[in-house]
mmCIF file of all heavy atoms, coordinates in Angstrom:
data_MODEL
# 
_entry.id   MODEL 
# 
loop_
_atom_site.group_PDB 
_atom_site.id 
_atom_site.type_symbol 
_atom_site.label_atom_id 
_atom_site.label_alt_id 
_atom_site.label_comp_id 
_atom_site.label_asym_id 
_atom_site.label_entity_id 
_atom_site.label_seq_id 
_atom_site.pdbx_PDB_ins_code 
_atom_site.Cartn_x 
_atom_site.Cartn_y 
_atom_site.Cartn_z 
_atom_site.occupancy 
_atom_site.B_iso_or_equiv 
_atom_site.pdbx_formal_charge 
_atom_site.auth_seq_id 
_atom_site.auth_comp_id 
_atom_site.auth_asym_id 
_atom_site.auth_atom_id 
_atom_site.pdbx_PDB_model_num 
ATOM 1   N N   . GLN A 1 1  ? 0.834  -1.189 0.000   1.00 0.00 ? 1  GLN A N   1 
ATOM 2   C CA  . GLN A 1 1  ? 0.000  0.000  0.000   1.00 0.00 ? 1  GLN A CA  1 
ATOM 3   C C   . GLN A 1 1  ? 0.871  1.242  0.000   1.00 0.00 ? 1  GLN A C   1 
ATOM 4   O O   . GLN A 1 1  ? 2.066  1.179  0.251   1.00 0.00 ? 1  GLN A O   1 
ATOM 5   C CB  . GLN A 1 1  ? -0.928 0.002  1.219   1.00 0.00 ? 1  GLN A CB  1 
ATOM 6   C CG  . GLN A 1 1  ? -1.916 -1.140 1.243   1.00 0.00 ? 1  GLN A CG  1 
ATOM 7   C CD  . GLN A 1 1  ? -2.904 -1.002 2.387   1.00 0.00 ? 1  GLN A CD  1 
ATOM 8   O OE1 . GLN A 1 1  ? -3.053 0.073  2.963   1.00 0.00 ? 1  GLN A OE1 1 
ATOM 9   N NE2 . GLN A 1 1  ? -3.570 -2.094 2.708   1.00 0.00 ? 1  GLN A NE2 1 
ATOM 10  N N   . VAL A 1 2  ? 0.227  2.375  -0.295  1.00 0.00 ? 2  VAL A N   1 
ATOM 11  C CA  . VAL A 1 2  ? 0.901  3.664  -0.304  1.00 0.00 ? 2  VAL A CA  1 
ATOM 12  C C   . VAL A 1 2  ? 0.621  4.369  1.007   1.00 0.00 ? 2  VAL A C   1 
ATOM 13  O O   . VAL A 1 2  ? -0.531 4.449  1.452   1.00 0.00 ? 2  VAL A O   1 
ATOM 14  C CB  . VAL A 1 2  ? 0.436  4.525  -1.482  1.00 0.00 ? 2  VAL A CB  1 
ATOM 15  C CG1 . VAL A 1 2  ? 1.052  5.922  -1.404  1.00 0.00 ? 2  VAL A CG1 1 
ATOM 16  C CG2 . VAL A 1 2  ? 0.798  3.855  -2.794  1.00 0.00 ? 2  VAL A CG2 1 
ATOM 17  N N   . GLN A 1 3  ? 1.666  4.885  1.614   1.00 0.00 ? 3  GLN A N   1 
ATOM 18  C CA  . GLN A 1 3  ? 1.534  5.674  2.829   1.00 0.00 ? 3  GLN A CA  1 
ATOM 19  C C   . GLN A 1 3  ? 1.936  7.113  2.538   1.00 0.00 ? 3  GLN A C   1 
ATOM 20  O O   . GLN A 1 3  ? 2.946  7.363  1.887   1.00 0.00 ? 3  GLN A O   1 
ATOM 21  C CB  . GLN A 1 3  ? 2.397  5.093  3.951   1.00 0.00 ? 3  GLN A CB  1 
ATOM 22  C CG  . GLN A 1 3  ? 1.949  3.706  4.398   1.00 0.00 ? 3  GLN A CG  1 
ATOM 23  C CD  . GLN A 1 3  ? 2.847  3.129  5.468   1.00 0.00 ? 3  GLN A CD  1 
ATOM 24  O OE1 . GLN A 1 3  ? 4.012  3.492  5.579   1.00 0.00 ? 3  GLN A OE1 1 
ATOM 25  N NE2 . GLN A 1 3  ? 2.294  2.224  6.260   1.00 0.00 ? 3  GLN A NE2 1 
ATOM 26  N N   . LEU A 1 4  ? 1.141  8.051  3.036   1.00 0.00 ? 4  LEU A N   1 
ATOM 27  C CA  . LEU A 1 4  ? 1.364  9.466  2.812   1.00 0.00 ? 4  LEU A CA  1 
ATOM 28  C C   . LEU A 1 4  ? 1.446  10.179 4.152   1.00 0.00 ? 4  LEU A C   1 
ATOM 29  O O   . LEU A 1 4  ? 0.586  9.988  5.012   1.00 0.00 ? 4  LEU A O   1 
ATOM 30  C CB  . LEU A 1 4  ? 0.229  10.068 1.977   1.00 0.00 ? 4  LEU A CB  1 
ATOM 31  C CG  . LEU A 1 4  ? -0.035 9.417  0.621   1.00 0.00 ? 4  LEU A CG  1 
ATOM 32  C CD1 . LEU A 1 4  ? -1.301 9.997  -0.013  1.00 0.00 ? 4  LEU A CD1 1 
ATOM 33  C CD2 . LEU A 1 4  ? 1.157  9.623  -0.308  1.00 0.00 ? 4  LEU A CD2 1 
ATOM 34  N N   . VAL A 1 5  ? 2.466  10.995 4.318   1.00 0.00 ? 5  VAL A N   1 
ATOM 35  C CA  . VAL A 1 5  ? 2.678  11.728 5.553   1.00 0.00 ? 5  VAL A CA  1 
ATOM 36  C C   . VAL A 1 5  ? 2.805  13.208 5.232   1.00 0.00 ? 5  VAL A C   1 
ATOM 37  O O   . VAL A 1 5  ? 3.711  13.608 4.494   1.00 0.00 ? 5  VAL A O   1 
ATOM 38  C CB  . VAL A 1 5  ? 3.922  11.233 6.305   1.00 0.00 ? 5  VAL A CB  1 
ATOM 39  C CG1 . VAL A 1 5  ? 4.118  12.034 7.590   1.00 0.00 ? 5  VAL A CG1 1 
ATOM 40  C CG2 . VAL A 1 5  ? 3.795  9.752  6.629   1.00 0.00 ? 5  VAL A CG2 1 
ATOM 41  N N   . GLU A 1 6  ? 1.896  14.017 5.795   1.00 0.00 ? 6  GLU A N   1 
ATOM 42  C CA  . GLU A 1 6  ? 1.912  15.452 5.574   1.00 0.00 ? 6  GLU A CA  1 
ATOM 43  C C   . GLU A 1 6  ? 2.650  16.166 6.698   1.00 0.00 ? 6  GLU A C   1 
ATOM 44  O O   . GLU A 1 6  ? 2.729  15.672 7.824   1.00 0.00 ? 6  GLU A O   1 
ATOM 45  C CB  . GLU A 1 6  ? 0.483  16.015 5.489   1.00 0.00 ? 6  GLU A CB  1 
ATOM 46  C CG  . GLU A 1 6  ? -0.383 15.370 4.432   1.00 0.00 ? 6  GLU A CG  1 
ATOM 47  C CD  . GLU A 1 6  ? -1.406 14.438 5.024   1.00 0.00 ? 6  GLU A CD  1 
ATOM 48  O OE1 . GLU A 1 6  ? -1.113 13.827 6.077   1.00 0.00 ? 6  GLU A OE1 1 
ATOM 49  O OE2 . GLU A 1 6  ? -2.506 14.315 4.441   1.00 0.00 ? 6  GLU A OE2 1 
ATOM 50  N N   . SER A 1 7  ? 3.140  17.354 6.377   1.00 0.00 ? 7  SER A N   1 
ATOM 51  C CA  . SER A 1 7  ? 3.759  18.213 7.366   1.00 0.00 ? 7  SER A CA  1 
ATOM 52  C C   . SER A 1 7  ? 3.623  19.661 6.913   1.00 0.00 ? 7  SER A C   1 
ATOM 53  O O   . SER A 1 7  ? 3.396  19.932 5.737   1.00 0.00 ? 7  SER A O   1 
ATOM 54  C CB  . SER A 1 7  ? 5.233  17.857 7.578   1.00 0.00 ? 7  SER A CB  1 
ATOM 55  O OG  . SER A 1 7  ? 5.981  18.035 6.389   1.00 0.00 ? 7  SER A OG  1 
ATOM 56  N N   . GLY A 1 8  ? 3.759  20.583 7.851   1.00 0.00 ? 8  GLY A N   1 
ATOM 57  C CA  . GLY A 1 8  ? 3.786  21.995 7.523   1.00 0.00 ? 8  GLY A CA  1 
ATOM 58  C C   . GLY A 1 8  ? 2.549  22.786 7.870   1.00 0.00 ? 8  GLY A C   1 
ATOM 59  O O   . GLY A 1 8  ? 2.526  24.004 7.680   1.00 0.00 ? 8  GLY A O   1 
ATOM 60  N N   . GLY A 1 9  ? 1.512  22.141 8.375   1.00 0.00 ? 9  GLY A N   1 
ATOM 61  C CA  . GLY A 1 9  ? 0.315  22.868 8.746   1.00 0.00 ? 9  GLY A CA  1 
ATOM 62  C C   . GLY A 1 9  ? 0.530  23.696 9.995   1.00 0.00 ? 9  GLY A C   1 
ATOM 63  O O   . GLY A 1 9  ? 1.534  23.570 10.695  1.00 0.00 ? 9  GLY A O   1 
ATOM 64  N N   . GLY A 1 10 ? -0.434 24.565 10.268  1.00 0.00 ? 10 GLY A N   1 
ATOM 65  C CA  . GLY A 1 10 ? -0.340 25.394 11.449  1.00 0.00 ? 10 GLY A CA  1 
ATOM 66  C C   . GLY A 1 10 ? -1.260 26.586 11.391  1.00 0.00 ? 10 GLY A C   1 
ATOM 67  O O   . GLY A 1 10 ? -2.169 26.662 10.566  1.00 0.00 ? 10 GLY A O   1 
ATOM 68  N N   . LEU A 1 11 ? -1.016 27.524 12.286  1.00 0.00 ? 11 LEU A N   1 
ATOM 69  C CA  . LEU A 1 11 ? -1.798 28.756 12.397  1.00 0.00 ? 11 LEU A CA  1 
ATOM 70  C C   . LEU A 1 11 ? -1.032 29.895 11.753  1.00 0.00 ? 11 LEU A C   1 
ATOM 71  O O   . LEU A 1 11 ? 0.156  30.093 12.034  1.00 0.00 ? 11 LEU A O   1 
ATOM 72  C CB  . LEU A 1 11 ? -2.079 29.070 13.865  1.00 0.00 ? 11 LEU A CB  1 
ATOM 73  C CG  . LEU A 1 11 ? -2.758 30.396 14.186  1.00 0.00 ? 11 LEU A CG  1 
ATOM 74  C CD1 . LEU A 1 11 ? -4.169 30.427 13.599  1.00 0.00 ? 11 LEU A CD1 1 
ATOM 75  C CD2 . LEU A 1 11 ? -2.788 30.619 15.687  1.00 0.00 ? 11 LEU A CD2 1 
ATOM 76  N N   . VAL A 1 12 ? -1.705 30.655 10.899  1.00 0.00 ? 12 VAL A N   1 
ATOM 77  C CA  . VAL A 1 12 ? -1.071 31.754 10.197  1.00 0.00 ? 12 VAL A CA  1 
ATOM 78  C C   . VAL A 1 12 ? -2.066 32.903 10.051  1.00 0.00 ? 12 VAL A C   1 
ATOM 79  O O   . VAL A 1 12 ? -3.275 32.685 9.965   1.00 0.00 ? 12 VAL A O   1 
ATOM 80  C CB  . VAL A 1 12 ? -0.545 31.299 8.815   1.00 0.00 ? 12 VAL A CB  1 
ATOM 81  C CG1 . VAL A 1 12 ? -1.696 30.888 7.905   1.00 0.00 ? 12 VAL A CG1 1 
ATOM 82  C CG2 . VAL A 1 12 ? 0.310  32.371 8.165   1.00 0.00 ? 12 VAL A CG2 1 
ATOM 83  N N   . GLN A 1 13 ? -1.564 34.123 10.041  1.00 0.00 ? 13 GLN A N   1 
ATOM 84  C CA  . GLN A 1 13 ? -2.416 35.294 9.878   1.00 0.00 ? 13 GLN A CA  1 
ATOM 85  C C   . GLN A 1 13 ? -2.784 35.511 8.423   1.00 0.00 ? 13 GLN A C   1 
ATOM 86  O O   . GLN A 1 13 ? -2.035 35.121 7.522   1.00 0.00 ? 13 GLN A O   1 
ATOM 87  C CB  . GLN A 1 13 ? -1.710 36.537 10.425  1.00 0.00 ? 13 GLN A CB  1 
ATOM 88  C CG  . GLN A 1 13 ? -1.489 36.528 11.927  1.00 0.00 ? 13 GLN A CG  1 
ATOM 89  C CD  . GLN A 1 13 ? -0.838 37.800 12.423  1.00 0.00 ? 13 GLN A CD  1 
ATOM 90  O OE1 . GLN A 1 13 ? -0.201 38.517 11.667  1.00 0.00 ? 13 GLN A OE1 1 
ATOM 91  N NE2 . GLN A 1 13 ? -1.015 38.083 13.698  1.00 0.00 ? 13 GLN A NE2 1 
ATOM 92  N N   . PRO A 1 14 ? -3.946 36.113 8.155   1.00 0.00 ? 14 PRO A N   1 
ATOM 93  C CA  . PRO A 1 14 ? -4.322 36.401 6.765   1.00 0.00 ? 14 PRO A CA  1 
ATOM 94  C C   . PRO A 1 14 ? -3.244 37.192 6.040   1.00 0.00 ? 14 PRO A C   1 
ATOM 95  O O   . PRO A 1 14 ? -2.631 38.100 6.604   1.00 0.00 ? 14 PRO A O   1 
ATOM 96  C CB  . PRO A 1 14 ? -5.611 37.209 6.911   1.00 0.00 ? 14 PRO A CB  1 
ATOM 97  C CG  . PRO A 1 14 ? -6.175 36.782 8.224   1.00 0.00 ? 14 PRO A CG  1 
ATOM 98  C CD  . PRO A 1 14 ? -4.982 36.526 9.105   1.00 0.00 ? 14 PRO A CD  1 
ATOM 99  N N   . GLY A 1 15 ? -3.022 36.834 4.781   1.00 0.00 ? 15 GLY A N   1 
ATOM 100 C CA  . GLY A 1 15 ? -2.012 37.484 3.967   1.00 0.00 ? 15 GLY A CA  1 
ATOM 101 C C   . GLY A 1 15 ? -0.638 36.852 4.048   1.00 0.00 ? 15 GLY A C   1 
ATOM 102 O O   . GLY A 1 15 ? 0.225  37.173 3.219   1.00 0.00 ? 15 GLY A O   1 
ATOM 103 N N   . ARG A 1 16 ? -0.427 35.998 5.018   1.00 0.00 ? 16 ARG A N   1 
ATOM 104 C CA  . ARG A 1 16 ? 0.863  35.335 5.170   1.00 0.00 ? 16 ARG A CA  1 
ATOM 105 C C   . ARG A 1 16 ? 0.919  34.059 4.334   1.00 0.00 ? 16 ARG A C   1 
ATOM 106 O O   . ARG A 1 16 ? -0.036 33.709 3.630   1.00 0.00 ? 16 ARG A O   1 
ATOM 107 C CB  . ARG A 1 16 ? 1.129  35.023 6.647   1.00 0.00 ? 16 ARG A CB  1 
ATOM 108 C CG  . ARG A 1 16 ? 1.134  36.255 7.542   1.00 0.00 ? 16 ARG A CG  1 
ATOM 109 C CD  . ARG A 1 16 ? 2.319  37.162 7.222   1.00 0.00 ? 16 ARG A CD  1 
ATOM 110 N NE  . ARG A 1 16 ? 3.589  36.523 7.515   1.00 0.00 ? 16 ARG A NE  1 
ATOM 111 C CZ  . ARG A 1 16 ? 4.192  36.544 8.701   1.00 0.00 ? 16 ARG A CZ  1 
ATOM 112 N NH1 . ARG A 1 16 ? 3.628  37.181 9.729   1.00 0.00 ? 16 ARG A NH1 1 
ATOM 113 N NH2 . ARG A 1 16 ? 5.350  35.936 8.871   1.00 0.00 ? 16 ARG A NH2 1 
ATOM 114 N N   . SER A 1 17 ? 2.041  33.361 4.418   1.00 0.00 ? 17 SER A N   1 
ATOM 115 C CA  . SER A 1 17 ? 2.283  32.179 3.607   1.00 0.00 ? 17 SER A CA  1 
ATOM 116 C C   . SER A 1 17 ? 2.539  30.955 4.466   1.00 0.00 ? 17 SER A C   1 
ATOM 117 O O   . SER A 1 17 ? 2.952  31.058 5.626   1.00 0.00 ? 17 SER A O   1 
ATOM 118 C CB  . SER A 1 17 ? 3.483  32.399 2.678   1.00 0.00 ? 17 SER A CB  1 
ATOM 119 O OG  . SER A 1 17 ? 3.252  33.461 1.772   1.00 0.00 ? 17 SER A OG  1 
ATOM 120 N N   . LEU A 1 18 ? 2.302  29.808 3.867   1.00 0.00 ? 18 LEU A N   1 
ATOM 121 C CA  . LEU A 1 18 ? 2.544  28.534 4.521   1.00 0.00 ? 18 LEU A CA  1 
ATOM 122 C C   . LEU A 1 18 ? 2.894  27.520 3.442   1.00 0.00 ? 18 LEU A C   1 
ATOM 123 O O   . LEU A 1 18 ? 2.388  27.612 2.316   1.00 0.00 ? 18 LEU A O   1 
ATOM 124 C CB  . LEU A 1 18 ? 1.304  28.087 5.294   1.00 0.00 ? 18 LEU A CB  1 
ATOM 125 C CG  . LEU A 1 18 ? 1.469  27.105 6.457   1.00 0.00 ? 18 LEU A CG  1 
ATOM 126 C CD1 . LEU A 1 18 ? 2.340  27.715 7.551   1.00 0.00 ? 18 LEU A CD1 1 
ATOM 127 C CD2 . LEU A 1 18 ? 0.102  26.743 7.017   1.00 0.00 ? 18 LEU A CD2 1 
ATOM 128 N N   . ARG A 1 19 ? 3.741  26.569 3.776   1.00 0.00 ? 19 ARG A N   1 
ATOM 129 C CA  . ARG A 1 19 ? 4.143  25.543 2.827   1.00 0.00 ? 19 ARG A CA  1 
ATOM 130 C C   . ARG A 1 19 ? 3.871  24.165 3.417   1.00 0.00 ? 19 ARG A C   1 
ATOM 131 O O   . ARG A 1 19 ? 4.347  23.842 4.501   1.00 0.00 ? 19 ARG A O   1 
ATOM 132 C CB  . ARG A 1 19 ? 5.631  25.671 2.470   1.00 0.00 ? 19 ARG A CB  1 
ATOM 133 C CG  . ARG A 1 19 ? 6.100  24.704 1.380   1.00 0.00 ? 19 ARG A CG  1 
ATOM 134 C CD  . ARG A 1 19 ? 7.555  24.956 1.014   1.00 0.00 ? 19 ARG A CD  1 
ATOM 135 N NE  . ARG A 1 19 ? 8.051  24.051 -0.005  1.00 0.00 ? 19 ARG A NE  1 
ATOM 136 C CZ  . ARG A 1 19 ? 7.950  24.250 -1.313  1.00 0.00 ? 19 ARG A CZ  1 
ATOM 137 N NH1 . ARG A 1 19 ? 7.365  25.357 -1.768  1.00 0.00 ? 19 ARG A NH1 1 
ATOM 138 N NH2 . ARG A 1 19 ? 8.430  23.366 -2.174  1.00 0.00 ? 19 ARG A NH2 1 
ATOM 139 N N   . LEU A 1 20 ? 3.112  23.358 2.685   1.00 0.00 ? 20 LEU A N   1 
ATOM 140 C CA  . LEU A 1 20 ? 2.811  21.996 3.074   1.00 0.00 ? 20 LEU A CA  1 
ATOM 141 C C   . LEU A 1 20 ? 3.672  21.030 2.275   1.00 0.00 ? 20 LEU A C   1 
ATOM 142 O O   . LEU A 1 20 ? 3.997  21.280 1.116   1.00 0.00 ? 20 LEU A O   1 
ATOM 143 C CB  . LEU A 1 20 ? 1.336  21.666 2.843   1.00 0.00 ? 20 LEU A CB  1 
ATOM 144 C CG  . LEU A 1 20 ? 0.296  22.579 3.488   1.00 0.00 ? 20 LEU A CG  1 
ATOM 145 C CD1 . LEU A 1 20 ? -1.102 22.076 3.167   1.00 0.00 ? 20 LEU A CD1 1 
ATOM 146 C CD2 . LEU A 1 20 ? 0.511  22.665 4.989   1.00 0.00 ? 20 LEU A CD2 1 
ATOM 147 N N   . SER A 1 21 ? 4.008  19.912 2.891   1.00 0.00 ? 21 SER A N   1 
ATOM 148 C CA  . SER A 1 21 ? 4.804  18.895 2.222   1.00 0.00 ? 21 SER A CA  1 
ATOM 149 C C   . SER A 1 21 ? 4.203  17.528 2.498   1.00 0.00 ? 21 SER A C   1 
ATOM 150 O O   . SER A 1 21 ? 3.640  17.289 3.567   1.00 0.00 ? 21 SER A O   1 
ATOM 151 C CB  . SER A 1 21 ? 6.258  18.939 2.698   1.00 0.00 ? 21 SER A CB  1 
ATOM 152 O OG  . SER A 1 21 ? 7.053  17.998 2.004   1.00 0.00 ? 21 SER A OG  1 
ATOM 153 N N   . CYS A 1 22 ? 4.330  16.634 1.530   1.00 0.00 ? 22 CYS A N   1 
ATOM 154 C CA  . CYS A 1 22 ? 3.808  15.279 1.647   1.00 0.00 ? 22 CYS A CA  1 
ATOM 155 C C   . CYS A 1 22 ? 4.834  14.303 1.095   1.00 0.00 ? 22 CYS A C   1 
ATOM 156 O O   . CYS A 1 22 ? 5.316  14.476 -0.030  1.00 0.00 ? 22 CYS A O   1 
ATOM 157 C CB  . CYS A 1 22 ? 2.486  15.143 0.899   1.00 0.00 ? 22 CYS A CB  1 
ATOM 158 S SG  . CYS A 1 22 ? 1.826  13.459 0.831   1.00 0.00 ? 22 CYS A SG  1 
ATOM 159 N N   . ALA A 1 23 ? 5.142  13.283 1.872   1.00 0.00 ? 23 ALA A N   1 
ATOM 160 C CA  . ALA A 1 23 ? 6.080  12.249 1.455   1.00 0.00 ? 23 ALA A CA  1 
ATOM 161 C C   . ALA A 1 23 ? 5.342  10.931 1.260   1.00 0.00 ? 23 ALA A C   1 
ATOM 162 O O   . ALA A 1 23 ? 4.577  10.511 2.135   1.00 0.00 ? 23 ALA A O   1 
ATOM 163 C CB  . ALA A 1 23 ? 7.195  12.086 2.484   1.00 0.00 ? 23 ALA A CB  1 
ATOM 164 N N   . ALA A 1 24 ? 5.574  10.278 0.130   1.00 0.00 ? 24 ALA A N   1 
ATOM 165 C CA  . ALA A 1 24 ? 4.946  9.009  -0.188  1.00 0.00 ? 24 ALA A CA  1 
ATOM 166 C C   . ALA A 1 24 ? 5.932  7.868  -0.006  1.00 0.00 ? 24 ALA A C   1 
ATOM 167 O O   . ALA A 1 24 ? 7.113  7.993  -0.338  1.00 0.00 ? 24 ALA A O   1 
ATOM 168 C CB  . ALA A 1 24 ? 4.417  9.009  -1.623  1.00 0.00 ? 24 ALA A CB  1 
ATOM 169 N N   . SER A 1 25 ? 5.435  6.755  0.500   1.00 0.00 ? 25 SER A N   1 
ATOM 170 C CA  . SER A 1 25 ? 6.259  5.570  0.667   1.00 0.00 ? 25 SER A CA  1 
ATOM 171 C C   . SER A 1 25 ? 5.400  4.332  0.455   1.00 0.00 ? 25 SER A C   1 
ATOM 172 O O   . SER A 1 25 ? 4.172  4.409  0.394   1.00 0.00 ? 25 SER A O   1 
ATOM 173 C CB  . SER A 1 25 ? 6.913  5.534  2.053   1.00 0.00 ? 25 SER A CB  1 
ATOM 174 O OG  . SER A 1 25 ? 5.933  5.481  3.074   1.00 0.00 ? 25 SER A OG  1 
ATOM 175 N N   . GLY A 1 26 ? 6.052  3.181  0.331   1.00 0.00 ? 26 GLY A N   1 
ATOM 176 C CA  . GLY A 1 26 ? 5.350  1.935  0.094   1.00 0.00 ? 26 GLY A CA  1 
ATOM 177 C C   . GLY A 1 26 ? 5.383  1.550  -1.368  1.00 0.00 ? 26 GLY A C   1 
ATOM 178 O O   . GLY A 1 26 ? 6.396  1.713  -2.040  1.00 0.00 ? 26 GLY A O   1 
ATOM 179 N N   . SER A 1 27 ? 4.260  1.049  -1.867  1.00 0.00 ? 27 SER A N   1 
ATOM 180 C CA  . SER A 1 27 ? 4.150  0.619  -3.264  1.00 0.00 ? 27 SER A CA  1 
ATOM 181 C C   . SER A 1 27 ? 3.810  1.815  -4.144  1.00 0.00 ? 27 SER A C   1 
ATOM 182 O O   . SER A 1 27 ? 2.659  2.021  -4.538  1.00 0.00 ? 27 SER A O   1 
ATOM 183 C CB  . SER A 1 27 ? 3.097  -0.482 -3.395  1.00 0.00 ? 27 SER A CB  1 
ATOM 184 O OG  . SER A 1 27 ? 3.412  -1.607 -2.597  1.00 0.00 ? 27 SER A OG  1 
ATOM 185 N N   . ILE A 1 28 ? 4.817  2.597  -4.473  1.00 0.00 ? 28 ILE A N   1 
ATOM 186 C CA  . ILE A 1 28 ? 4.615  3.866  -5.171  1.00 0.00 ? 28 ILE A CA  1 
ATOM 187 C C   . ILE A 1 28 ? 4.854  3.770  -6.669  1.00 0.00 ? 28 ILE A C   1 
ATOM 188 O O   . ILE A 1 28 ? 4.765  4.784  -7.368  1.00 0.00 ? 28 ILE A O   1 
ATOM 189 C CB  . ILE A 1 28 ? 5.532  4.952  -4.586  1.00 0.00 ? 28 ILE A CB  1 
ATOM 190 C CG1 . ILE A 1 28 ? 6.998  4.558  -4.773  1.00 0.00 ? 28 ILE A CG1 1 
ATOM 191 C CG2 . ILE A 1 28 ? 5.206  5.179  -3.117  1.00 0.00 ? 28 ILE A CG2 1 
ATOM 192 C CD1 . ILE A 1 28 ? 7.979  5.620  -4.328  1.00 0.00 ? 28 ILE A CD1 1 
ATOM 193 N N   . ASP A 1 29 ? 5.115  2.567  -7.177  1.00 0.00 ? 29 ASP A N   1 
ATOM 194 C CA  . ASP A 1 29 ? 5.524  2.396  -8.570  1.00 0.00 ? 29 ASP A CA  1 
ATOM 195 C C   . ASP A 1 29 ? 4.537  2.981  -9.571  1.00 0.00 ? 29 ASP A C   1 
ATOM 196 O O   . ASP A 1 29 ? 4.944  3.578  -10.566 1.00 0.00 ? 29 ASP A O   1 
ATOM 197 C CB  . ASP A 1 29 ? 5.721  0.913  -8.871  1.00 0.00 ? 29 ASP A CB  1 
ATOM 198 C CG  . ASP A 1 29 ? 6.607  0.212  -7.870  1.00 0.00 ? 29 ASP A CG  1 
ATOM 199 O OD1 . ASP A 1 29 ? 6.294  0.273  -6.665  1.00 0.00 ? 29 ASP A OD1 1 
ATOM 200 O OD2 . ASP A 1 29 ? 7.596  -0.413 -8.287  1.00 0.00 ? 29 ASP A OD2 1 
# 
């Protein structure tokens, strides 16, 4: 199976920026 792990979420003020990332592992072929 494919496993997905997210990171980078949080609290931010309007107008600001945020970056999310996701790493995939397992049967990713």
